[in-house]
Amino acid sequence: MNEPRLIEFDKIGDEEVGYISVAQYEKNIPFSIQRVYWVYNTPEEVQRGNHAHKTCQQVIVAVKGTLEVILENLEGRECVFRLDTPDKGLFIPEMHWRKINFSSDAICVCLASSRYDEVDYIRAYEDFQALKKTRT
């Protein structure tokens, strides 16, 4: 199973003219991108995510503001990532439960390895925990 990890994107430009960062399949994105979506105007008291994917892999980027991403794998290991700059992303492999906290000004862009498919989602934490028990 792949491990979550931060991905550094090239930061091209300077303070005078601004910056551009690029995400490319095989260069810094470990899958062919099939879907892109963004999340914004999320109140700080609302936690997003609270699901896992059976097969979909994702890279998320805080293009504005700050994201705190809490991941849990099937072995029960948790890791926390802070995304606060648009020149880095977080690779989230399949079968990782995620909880995401947003700053009030945060905008999150997600690059996904598959198109939307409700069957790929594990939406109940109890169902995710049950999968953990079958793998031990």
N, C-alpha and C. Protein backbone atom coordinates (compact mmCIF):
# COMPACT_ATOMS: atom_id res chain seq x y z
N MET A 1 0.85 -1.19 0.00
CA MET A 1 0.00 0.00 0.00
C MET A 1 0.89 1.24 0.00
N ASN A 2 0.53 2.21 -0.75
CA ASN A 2 1.26 3.48 -0.78
C ASN A 2 1.08 4.22 0.53
N GLU A 3 2.04 5.04 0.85
CA GLU A 3 1.98 5.85 2.06
C GLU A 3 1.64 7.29 1.71
N PRO A 4 0.89 7.99 2.56
CA PRO A 4 0.65 9.41 2.34
C PRO A 4 1.99 10.15 2.36
N ARG A 5 2.08 11.19 1.57
CA ARG A 5 3.31 11.97 1.56
C ARG A 5 3.06 13.35 0.97
N LEU A 6 3.89 14.28 1.40
CA LEU A 6 3.83 15.62 0.83
C LEU A 6 4.54 15.62 -0.52
N ILE A 7 4.00 16.38 -1.44
CA ILE A 7 4.58 16.54 -2.77
C ILE A 7 4.93 18.02 -2.94
N GLU A 8 6.17 18.28 -3.28
CA GLU A 8 6.61 19.66 -3.54
C GLU A 8 6.44 19.95 -5.03
N PHE A 9 5.75 21.02 -5.34
CA PHE A 9 5.61 21.46 -6.73
C PHE A 9 6.64 22.55 -6.99
N ASP A 10 7.16 22.61 -8.21
CA ASP A 10 8.06 23.69 -8.57
C ASP A 10 7.34 25.02 -8.35
N LYS A 11 8.08 25.99 -7.85
CA LYS A 11 7.55 27.35 -7.62
C LYS A 11 8.31 28.26 -8.58
N ILE A 12 7.64 28.64 -9.67
CA ILE A 12 8.28 29.41 -10.73
C ILE A 12 7.83 30.86 -10.63
N GLY A 13 8.76 31.79 -10.64
CA GLY A 13 8.44 33.21 -10.57
C GLY A 13 9.17 33.89 -9.44
N ASP A 14 8.65 35.05 -9.04
CA ASP A 14 9.22 35.78 -7.92
C ASP A 14 8.15 36.68 -7.32
N GLU A 15 8.52 37.38 -6.24
CA GLU A 15 7.55 38.23 -5.55
C GLU A 15 7.06 39.39 -6.41
N GLU A 16 7.88 39.79 -7.36
CA GLU A 16 7.53 40.93 -8.20
C GLU A 16 6.40 40.62 -9.18
N VAL A 17 6.43 39.41 -9.78
CA VAL A 17 5.44 39.06 -10.81
C VAL A 17 4.47 37.98 -10.36
N GLY A 18 4.77 37.33 -9.24
CA GLY A 18 3.92 36.24 -8.76
C GLY A 18 4.50 34.89 -9.12
N TYR A 19 3.77 33.85 -8.80
CA TYR A 19 4.27 32.48 -8.96
C TYR A 19 3.28 31.61 -9.72
N ILE A 20 3.81 30.55 -10.27
CA ILE A 20 3.01 29.48 -10.86
C ILE A 20 3.61 28.16 -10.38
N SER A 21 2.75 27.23 -10.05
CA SER A 21 3.17 25.87 -9.72
C SER A 21 2.40 24.93 -10.62
N VAL A 22 3.03 23.80 -10.96
CA VAL A 22 2.45 22.89 -11.95
C VAL A 22 2.39 21.48 -11.38
N ALA A 23 1.25 20.83 -11.58
CA ALA A 23 1.09 19.42 -11.22
C ALA A 23 0.97 18.63 -12.53
N GLN A 24 1.81 17.60 -12.67
CA GLN A 24 1.82 16.80 -13.89
C GLN A 24 1.89 15.32 -13.55
N TYR A 25 1.08 14.54 -14.26
CA TYR A 25 1.14 13.09 -14.15
C TYR A 25 2.55 12.63 -14.47
N GLU A 26 3.06 11.72 -13.70
CA GLU A 26 4.37 11.09 -13.79
C GLU A 26 5.51 11.99 -13.30
N LYS A 27 5.35 13.31 -13.31
CA LYS A 27 6.41 14.16 -12.77
C LYS A 27 6.25 14.27 -11.26
N ASN A 28 5.06 14.68 -10.81
CA ASN A 28 4.83 14.80 -9.38
C ASN A 28 3.47 14.29 -8.92
N ILE A 29 2.65 13.86 -9.85
CA ILE A 29 1.37 13.25 -9.52
C ILE A 29 1.47 11.76 -9.90
N PRO A 30 1.29 10.85 -8.94
CA PRO A 30 1.55 9.42 -9.19
C PRO A 30 0.40 8.67 -9.87
N PHE A 31 -0.54 9.38 -10.47
CA PHE A 31 -1.65 8.74 -11.17
C PHE A 31 -2.15 9.66 -12.27
N SER A 32 -2.87 9.08 -13.21
CA SER A 32 -3.51 9.86 -14.26
C SER A 32 -4.73 10.57 -13.66
N ILE A 33 -4.81 11.86 -13.82
CA ILE A 33 -5.89 12.66 -13.21
C ILE A 33 -7.17 12.49 -14.02
N GLN A 34 -8.22 12.02 -13.34
CA GLN A 34 -9.51 11.80 -14.00
C GLN A 34 -10.58 12.81 -13.56
N ARG A 35 -10.30 13.50 -12.43
CA ARG A 35 -11.30 14.44 -11.92
C ARG A 35 -10.59 15.50 -11.09
N VAL A 36 -11.07 16.73 -11.19
CA VAL A 36 -10.56 17.84 -10.38
C VAL A 36 -11.77 18.53 -9.76
N TYR A 37 -11.68 18.80 -8.46
CA TYR A 37 -12.74 19.57 -7.81
C TYR A 37 -12.12 20.45 -6.74
N TRP A 38 -12.88 21.44 -6.29
CA TRP A 38 -12.38 22.35 -5.27
C TRP A 38 -13.45 22.58 -4.22
N VAL A 39 -12.99 22.85 -3.01
CA VAL A 39 -13.86 23.06 -1.84
C VAL A 39 -13.51 24.43 -1.27
N TYR A 40 -14.53 25.23 -0.96
CA TYR A 40 -14.29 26.59 -0.48
C TYR A 40 -15.47 27.05 0.37
N ASN A 41 -15.28 28.18 1.07
CA ASN A 41 -16.30 28.75 1.97
C ASN A 41 -16.74 27.76 3.04
N THR A 42 -15.83 26.95 3.52
CA THR A 42 -16.14 25.99 4.57
C THR A 42 -15.94 26.66 5.92
N PRO A 43 -16.96 26.73 6.76
CA PRO A 43 -16.79 27.31 8.09
C PRO A 43 -15.77 26.52 8.91
N GLU A 44 -15.00 27.23 9.73
CA GLU A 44 -13.96 26.57 10.52
C GLU A 44 -14.49 25.47 11.43
N GLU A 45 -15.72 25.60 11.88
CA GLU A 45 -16.26 24.59 12.80
C GLU A 45 -16.75 23.32 12.09
N VAL A 46 -16.70 23.32 10.76
CA VAL A 46 -17.15 22.16 9.99
C VAL A 46 -15.93 21.33 9.59
N GLN A 47 -15.96 20.05 9.90
CA GLN A 47 -14.89 19.15 9.48
C GLN A 47 -15.35 18.43 8.22
N ARG A 48 -14.53 18.51 7.17
CA ARG A 48 -14.86 17.85 5.91
C ARG A 48 -14.19 16.49 5.85
N GLY A 49 -14.43 15.79 4.76
CA GLY A 49 -13.86 14.46 4.58
C GLY A 49 -14.73 13.44 5.27
N ASN A 50 -14.20 12.87 6.36
CA ASN A 50 -14.90 11.84 7.11
C ASN A 50 -15.37 10.70 6.20
N HIS A 51 -14.42 10.22 5.40
CA HIS A 51 -14.66 9.08 4.54
C HIS A 51 -13.31 8.51 4.08
N ALA A 52 -13.37 7.37 3.43
CA ALA A 52 -12.20 6.77 2.79
C ALA A 52 -12.63 6.33 1.39
N HIS A 53 -11.65 6.05 0.55
CA HIS A 53 -11.92 5.53 -0.79
C HIS A 53 -11.33 4.14 -0.91
N LYS A 54 -12.06 3.27 -1.56
CA LYS A 54 -11.58 1.89 -1.78
C LYS A 54 -10.43 1.86 -2.79
N THR A 55 -10.55 2.61 -3.87
CA THR A 55 -9.53 2.57 -4.93
C THR A 55 -9.02 3.94 -5.36
N CYS A 56 -9.79 4.98 -5.16
CA CYS A 56 -9.41 6.31 -5.63
C CYS A 56 -8.23 6.85 -4.82
N GLN A 57 -7.26 7.42 -5.53
CA GLN A 57 -6.14 8.12 -4.93
C GLN A 57 -6.32 9.61 -5.20
N GLN A 58 -5.80 10.44 -4.31
CA GLN A 58 -5.98 11.87 -4.46
C GLN A 58 -4.72 12.64 -4.08
N VAL A 59 -4.60 13.83 -4.64
CA VAL A 59 -3.64 14.82 -4.19
C VAL A 59 -4.45 16.07 -3.88
N ILE A 60 -4.31 16.58 -2.65
CA ILE A 60 -5.02 17.81 -2.31
C ILE A 60 -4.01 18.93 -2.09
N VAL A 61 -4.45 20.14 -2.45
CA VAL A 61 -3.60 21.33 -2.36
C VAL A 61 -4.42 22.45 -1.72
N ALA A 62 -3.85 23.11 -0.74
CA ALA A 62 -4.47 24.32 -0.19
C ALA A 62 -4.00 25.48 -1.06
N VAL A 63 -4.82 25.90 -2.00
CA VAL A 63 -4.41 27.00 -2.87
C VAL A 63 -4.54 28.34 -2.16
N LYS A 64 -5.28 28.34 -1.05
CA LYS A 64 -5.40 29.53 -0.19
C LYS A 64 -5.72 29.04 1.21
N GLY A 65 -5.21 29.72 2.20
CA GLY A 65 -5.53 29.37 3.58
C GLY A 65 -4.78 28.13 4.05
N THR A 66 -5.34 27.49 5.06
CA THR A 66 -4.69 26.36 5.71
C THR A 66 -5.64 25.18 5.84
N LEU A 67 -5.10 23.99 5.58
CA LEU A 67 -5.82 22.75 5.80
C LEU A 67 -5.04 21.91 6.79
N GLU A 68 -5.75 21.30 7.74
CA GLU A 68 -5.16 20.28 8.59
C GLU A 68 -5.82 18.98 8.17
N VAL A 69 -5.00 18.03 7.71
CA VAL A 69 -5.51 16.76 7.21
C VAL A 69 -5.06 15.64 8.15
N ILE A 70 -6.02 14.93 8.70
CA ILE A 70 -5.74 13.82 9.61
C ILE A 70 -6.09 12.54 8.86
N LEU A 71 -5.09 11.66 8.69
CA LEU A 71 -5.28 10.41 7.96
C LEU A 71 -5.09 9.23 8.88
N GLU A 72 -5.86 8.18 8.63
CA GLU A 72 -5.71 6.92 9.37
C GLU A 72 -5.70 5.78 8.37
N ASN A 73 -4.71 4.89 8.49
CA ASN A 73 -4.65 3.75 7.58
C ASN A 73 -5.32 2.53 8.20
N LEU A 74 -5.33 1.43 7.48
CA LEU A 74 -6.02 0.23 7.96
C LEU A 74 -5.33 -0.42 9.16
N GLU A 75 -4.09 -0.06 9.42
CA GLU A 75 -3.40 -0.58 10.61
C GLU A 75 -3.69 0.28 11.83
N GLY A 76 -4.44 1.37 11.64
CA GLY A 76 -4.80 2.24 12.75
C GLY A 76 -3.81 3.37 12.99
N ARG A 77 -2.78 3.48 12.16
CA ARG A 77 -1.79 4.54 12.33
C ARG A 77 -2.34 5.86 11.80
N GLU A 78 -2.26 6.90 12.63
CA GLU A 78 -2.70 8.23 12.25
C GLU A 78 -1.51 9.11 11.93
N CYS A 79 -1.70 10.00 10.95
CA CYS A 79 -0.70 11.03 10.68
C CYS A 79 -1.44 12.32 10.36
N VAL A 80 -0.81 13.43 10.70
CA VAL A 80 -1.42 14.74 10.52
C VAL A 80 -0.51 15.57 9.60
N PHE A 81 -1.14 16.22 8.63
CA PHE A 81 -0.41 17.07 7.70
C PHE A 81 -1.03 18.46 7.72
N ARG A 82 -0.18 19.47 7.61
CA ARG A 82 -0.63 20.86 7.52
C ARG A 82 -0.27 21.36 6.13
N LEU A 83 -1.28 21.78 5.40
CA LEU A 83 -1.08 22.36 4.07
C LEU A 83 -1.39 23.85 4.16
N ASP A 84 -0.41 24.68 3.85
CA ASP A 84 -0.62 26.12 4.00
C ASP A 84 0.06 26.95 2.91
N THR A 85 0.43 26.28 1.84
CA THR A 85 1.05 26.98 0.72
C THR A 85 0.70 26.22 -0.57
N PRO A 86 0.43 26.93 -1.67
CA PRO A 86 0.00 26.26 -2.89
C PRO A 86 1.11 25.55 -3.67
N ASP A 87 2.34 25.58 -3.16
CA ASP A 87 3.41 24.87 -3.87
C ASP A 87 3.71 23.50 -3.25
N LYS A 88 2.78 23.00 -2.44
CA LYS A 88 2.90 21.62 -1.96
C LYS A 88 1.52 21.00 -1.89
N GLY A 89 1.49 19.69 -2.10
CA GLY A 89 0.25 18.95 -2.04
C GLY A 89 0.42 17.73 -1.17
N LEU A 90 -0.68 17.07 -0.88
CA LEU A 90 -0.65 15.87 -0.07
C LEU A 90 -1.22 14.71 -0.89
N PHE A 91 -0.41 13.68 -1.09
CA PHE A 91 -0.86 12.47 -1.76
C PHE A 91 -1.57 11.61 -0.72
N ILE A 92 -2.83 11.25 -1.02
CA ILE A 92 -3.62 10.38 -0.14
C ILE A 92 -3.92 9.09 -0.92
N PRO A 93 -3.29 7.98 -0.52
CA PRO A 93 -3.56 6.71 -1.19
C PRO A 93 -4.97 6.20 -0.86
N GLU A 94 -5.37 5.16 -1.56
CA GLU A 94 -6.64 4.51 -1.27
C GLU A 94 -6.61 3.95 0.16
N MET A 95 -7.79 3.69 0.71
CA MET A 95 -7.98 3.06 2.02
C MET A 95 -7.35 3.86 3.17
N HIS A 96 -7.48 5.16 3.12
CA HIS A 96 -7.08 6.04 4.22
C HIS A 96 -8.29 6.89 4.61
N TRP A 97 -8.71 6.75 5.88
CA TRP A 97 -9.78 7.59 6.40
C TRP A 97 -9.23 9.00 6.55
N ARG A 98 -9.99 9.98 6.10
CA ARG A 98 -9.51 11.35 6.17
C ARG A 98 -10.50 12.25 6.87
N LYS A 99 -9.95 13.18 7.66
CA LYS A 99 -10.70 14.27 8.28
C LYS A 99 -9.93 15.55 7.94
N ILE A 100 -10.66 16.56 7.47
CA ILE A 100 -9.99 17.78 7.01
C ILE A 100 -10.61 18.99 7.70
N ASN A 101 -9.75 19.77 8.36
CA ASN A 101 -10.16 21.02 8.99
C ASN A 101 -9.66 22.18 8.15
N PHE A 102 -10.53 23.15 7.91
CA PHE A 102 -10.25 24.29 7.04
C PHE A 102 -10.13 25.57 7.86
N SER A 103 -9.18 26.44 7.48
CA SER A 103 -9.23 27.81 7.99
C SER A 103 -10.40 28.49 7.27
N SER A 104 -10.87 29.60 7.80
CA SER A 104 -12.07 30.25 7.23
C SER A 104 -11.87 30.71 5.80
N ASP A 105 -10.62 30.98 5.40
CA ASP A 105 -10.35 31.47 4.05
C ASP A 105 -9.82 30.38 3.11
N ALA A 106 -9.83 29.13 3.55
CA ALA A 106 -9.19 28.06 2.79
C ALA A 106 -9.94 27.71 1.51
N ILE A 107 -9.15 27.45 0.48
CA ILE A 107 -9.65 26.88 -0.78
C ILE A 107 -8.79 25.66 -1.05
N CYS A 108 -9.45 24.52 -1.21
CA CYS A 108 -8.77 23.24 -1.42
C CYS A 108 -9.08 22.74 -2.83
N VAL A 109 -8.04 22.37 -3.56
CA VAL A 109 -8.21 21.74 -4.86
C VAL A 109 -7.79 20.29 -4.72
N CYS A 110 -8.60 19.40 -5.29
CA CYS A 110 -8.33 17.97 -5.21
C CYS A 110 -8.19 17.41 -6.62
N LEU A 111 -7.10 16.66 -6.83
CA LEU A 111 -6.86 15.93 -8.07
C LEU A 111 -7.12 14.46 -7.74
N ALA A 112 -8.00 13.82 -8.49
CA ALA A 112 -8.42 12.45 -8.18
C ALA A 112 -8.08 11.50 -9.32
N SER A 113 -7.78 10.26 -8.94
CA SER A 113 -7.39 9.24 -9.92
C SER A 113 -8.58 8.61 -10.64
N SER A 114 -9.79 8.91 -10.18
CA SER A 114 -10.97 8.32 -10.83
C SER A 114 -12.12 9.32 -10.84
N ARG A 115 -13.06 9.04 -11.69
CA ARG A 115 -14.27 9.85 -11.73
C ARG A 115 -15.11 9.54 -10.51
N TYR A 116 -16.08 10.40 -10.23
CA TYR A 116 -16.94 10.19 -9.07
C TYR A 116 -17.68 8.87 -9.21
N ASP A 117 -17.62 8.06 -8.15
CA ASP A 117 -18.34 6.80 -8.10
C ASP A 117 -18.70 6.53 -6.64
N GLU A 118 -19.95 6.66 -6.31
CA GLU A 118 -20.40 6.50 -4.92
C GLU A 118 -19.99 5.15 -4.35
N VAL A 119 -19.90 4.12 -5.17
CA VAL A 119 -19.54 2.78 -4.71
C VAL A 119 -18.11 2.76 -4.14
N ASP A 120 -17.26 3.69 -4.57
CA ASP A 120 -15.87 3.73 -4.11
C ASP A 120 -15.73 4.31 -2.70
N TYR A 121 -16.77 4.96 -2.20
CA TYR A 121 -16.70 5.63 -0.89
C TYR A 121 -17.00 4.68 0.26
N ILE A 122 -16.26 4.84 1.35
CA ILE A 122 -16.60 4.25 2.64
C ILE A 122 -16.97 5.44 3.51
N ARG A 123 -18.25 5.61 3.78
CA ARG A 123 -18.72 6.82 4.45
C ARG A 123 -18.94 6.64 5.95
N ALA A 124 -19.03 5.42 6.42
CA ALA A 124 -19.23 5.18 7.86
C ALA A 124 -17.91 4.70 8.47
N TYR A 125 -17.48 5.39 9.52
CA TYR A 125 -16.22 5.03 10.16
C TYR A 125 -16.26 3.60 10.69
N GLU A 126 -17.42 3.15 11.12
CA GLU A 126 -17.58 1.78 11.62
C GLU A 126 -17.28 0.77 10.52
N ASP A 127 -17.68 1.07 9.29
CA ASP A 127 -17.38 0.18 8.16
C ASP A 127 -15.87 0.15 7.88
N PHE A 128 -15.21 1.30 8.01
CA PHE A 128 -13.76 1.36 7.84
C PHE A 128 -13.07 0.54 8.93
N GLN A 129 -13.53 0.68 10.16
CA GLN A 129 -12.96 -0.09 11.27
C GLN A 129 -13.16 -1.59 11.04
N ALA A 130 -14.30 -1.98 10.51
CA ALA A 130 -14.56 -3.39 10.23
C ALA A 130 -13.56 -3.93 9.21
N LEU A 131 -13.20 -3.11 8.22
CA LEU A 131 -12.18 -3.52 7.24
C LEU A 131 -10.83 -3.71 7.89
N LYS A 132 -10.52 -2.87 8.88
CA LYS A 132 -9.26 -3.01 9.61
C LYS A 132 -9.19 -4.37 10.28
N LYS A 133 -10.29 -4.82 10.86
CA LYS A 133 -10.31 -6.09 11.58
C LYS A 133 -10.11 -7.27 10.63
N THR A 134 -10.60 -7.16 9.39
CA THR A 134 -10.47 -8.26 8.44
C THR A 134 -9.05 -8.35 7.89
N ARG A 135 -8.27 -7.29 8.03
CA ARG A 135 -6.90 -7.27 7.49
C ARG A 135 -5.86 -7.71 8.52
N THR A 136 -6.26 -7.85 9.79
CA THR A 136 -5.28 -8.21 10.81
C THR A 136 -5.22 -9.70 11.04
